[in-house]
Amino acid sequence: MSIESVKIDSNVKPIDDTSTKLQTAKAGQQAETQPVKPTDTLSISEEVKNISPIMANINSDVYNKPEVLRDVALKLMQELYQEDTGTRV
């Protein structure tokens, strides 16, 4: 029984403690030198900025009254029915 050597690719380098320390040091330097630039922005419309009257109505249970719920349900039903058949209720 004989042991044959394994072919080693020339692009594969062995990992030792020295090369690992160098790679970690390089990664740390790259993170420090690259400034962070914000890319996402948030824009709020004027209508959304004036939401306090709506929130006041929600907090005072204005929208929980039966007549308000009935009106909303009727408007939703009309819109949904109109989309399905093209006619109004």
Protein backbone atom coordinates (compact mmCIF):
# COMPACT_ATOMS: atom_id res chain seq x y z
CA MET A 1 0.00 0.00 0.00
CA SER A 2 1.38 3.37 -1.04
CA ILE A 3 0.38 6.94 -0.33
CA GLU A 4 0.12 9.25 -3.31
CA SER A 5 0.44 13.00 -3.06
CA VAL A 6 -2.55 15.19 -3.69
CA LYS A 7 -2.26 17.68 -6.50
CA ILE A 8 -2.24 21.19 -5.03
CA ASP A 9 -3.58 24.04 -7.13
CA SER A 10 -1.08 26.90 -7.48
CA ASN A 11 -3.78 29.51 -6.69
CA VAL A 12 -4.58 27.99 -3.31
CA LYS A 13 -2.39 29.32 -0.55
CA PRO A 14 -2.03 27.65 2.84
CA ILE A 15 -3.55 29.50 5.76
CA ASP A 16 -1.37 30.14 8.74
CA ASP A 17 -1.53 32.55 11.66
CA THR A 18 0.51 35.22 9.88
CA SER A 19 -1.66 35.43 6.79
CA THR A 20 -4.84 35.42 8.88
CA LYS A 21 -3.56 38.32 10.97
CA LEU A 22 -2.63 40.28 7.85
CA GLN A 23 -6.04 39.75 6.27
CA THR A 24 -7.82 40.88 9.46
CA ALA A 25 -5.61 43.95 9.70
CA LYS A 26 -6.33 44.87 6.07
CA ALA A 27 -10.06 44.45 6.59
CA GLY A 28 -9.93 46.73 9.63
CA GLN A 29 -8.04 49.40 7.71
CA GLN A 30 -10.51 49.35 4.82
CA ALA A 31 -13.45 49.79 7.17
CA GLU A 32 -11.82 52.81 8.79
CA THR A 33 -10.88 54.59 5.56
CA GLN A 34 -14.26 54.34 3.81
CA PRO A 35 -16.66 57.08 4.99
CA VAL A 36 -20.29 56.11 5.41
CA LYS A 37 -22.58 58.01 3.07
CA PRO A 38 -26.34 57.97 3.62
CA THR A 39 -28.18 56.84 0.51
CA ASP A 40 -31.76 56.48 1.73
CA THR A 41 -33.96 59.48 2.39
CA LEU A 42 -37.38 59.86 3.91
CA SER A 43 -39.79 62.44 2.57
CA ILE A 44 -43.14 63.08 4.19
CA SER A 45 -45.93 64.90 2.40
CA GLU A 46 -47.64 67.91 3.93
CA GLU A 47 -50.85 65.90 4.29
CA VAL A 48 -49.12 63.36 6.50
CA LYS A 49 -47.53 66.10 8.59
CA ASN A 50 -51.03 67.39 9.43
CA ILE A 51 -52.23 64.07 10.83
CA SER A 52 -52.84 65.35 14.37
CA PRO A 53 -56.60 66.05 13.81
CA ILE A 54 -57.08 62.49 12.58
CA MET A 55 -55.16 61.09 15.54
CA ALA A 56 -57.31 63.20 17.89
CA ASN A 57 -60.46 61.70 16.32
CA ILE A 58 -59.06 58.19 16.70
CA ASN A 59 -58.19 58.79 20.35
CA SER A 60 -61.66 60.21 21.10
CA ASP A 61 -63.39 57.18 19.46
CA VAL A 62 -65.11 59.26 16.75
CA TYR A 63 -64.56 56.47 14.22
CA ASN A 64 -66.16 53.83 16.47
CA LYS A 65 -69.67 55.32 16.19
CA PRO A 66 -72.20 53.13 14.34
CA GLU A 67 -73.14 55.83 11.81
CA VAL A 68 -69.50 56.42 10.88
CA LEU A 69 -68.87 52.69 10.45
CA ARG A 70 -72.03 52.37 8.36
CA ASP A 71 -70.99 55.23 6.05
CA VAL A 72 -67.51 53.77 5.57
CA ALA A 73 -68.92 50.31 4.88
CA LEU A 74 -71.34 51.76 2.29
CA LYS A 75 -68.55 53.67 0.52
CA LEU A 76 -66.34 50.58 0.45
CA MET A 77 -69.15 48.42 -0.88
CA GLN A 78 -69.91 50.96 -3.63
CA GLU A 79 -66.26 51.17 -4.69
CA LEU A 80 -65.78 47.40 -4.71
CA TYR A 81 -69.05 46.75 -6.53
CA GLN A 82 -68.21 49.44 -9.08
CA GLU A 83 -64.84 47.81 -9.80
CA ASP A 84 -66.44 44.38 -10.30
CA THR A 85 -69.37 45.24 -12.56
CA GLY A 86 -68.85 48.82 -13.61
CA THR A 87 -72.11 49.97 -11.99
CA ARG A 88 -72.93 51.62 -8.68
CA VAL A 89 -75.13 50.32 -5.90
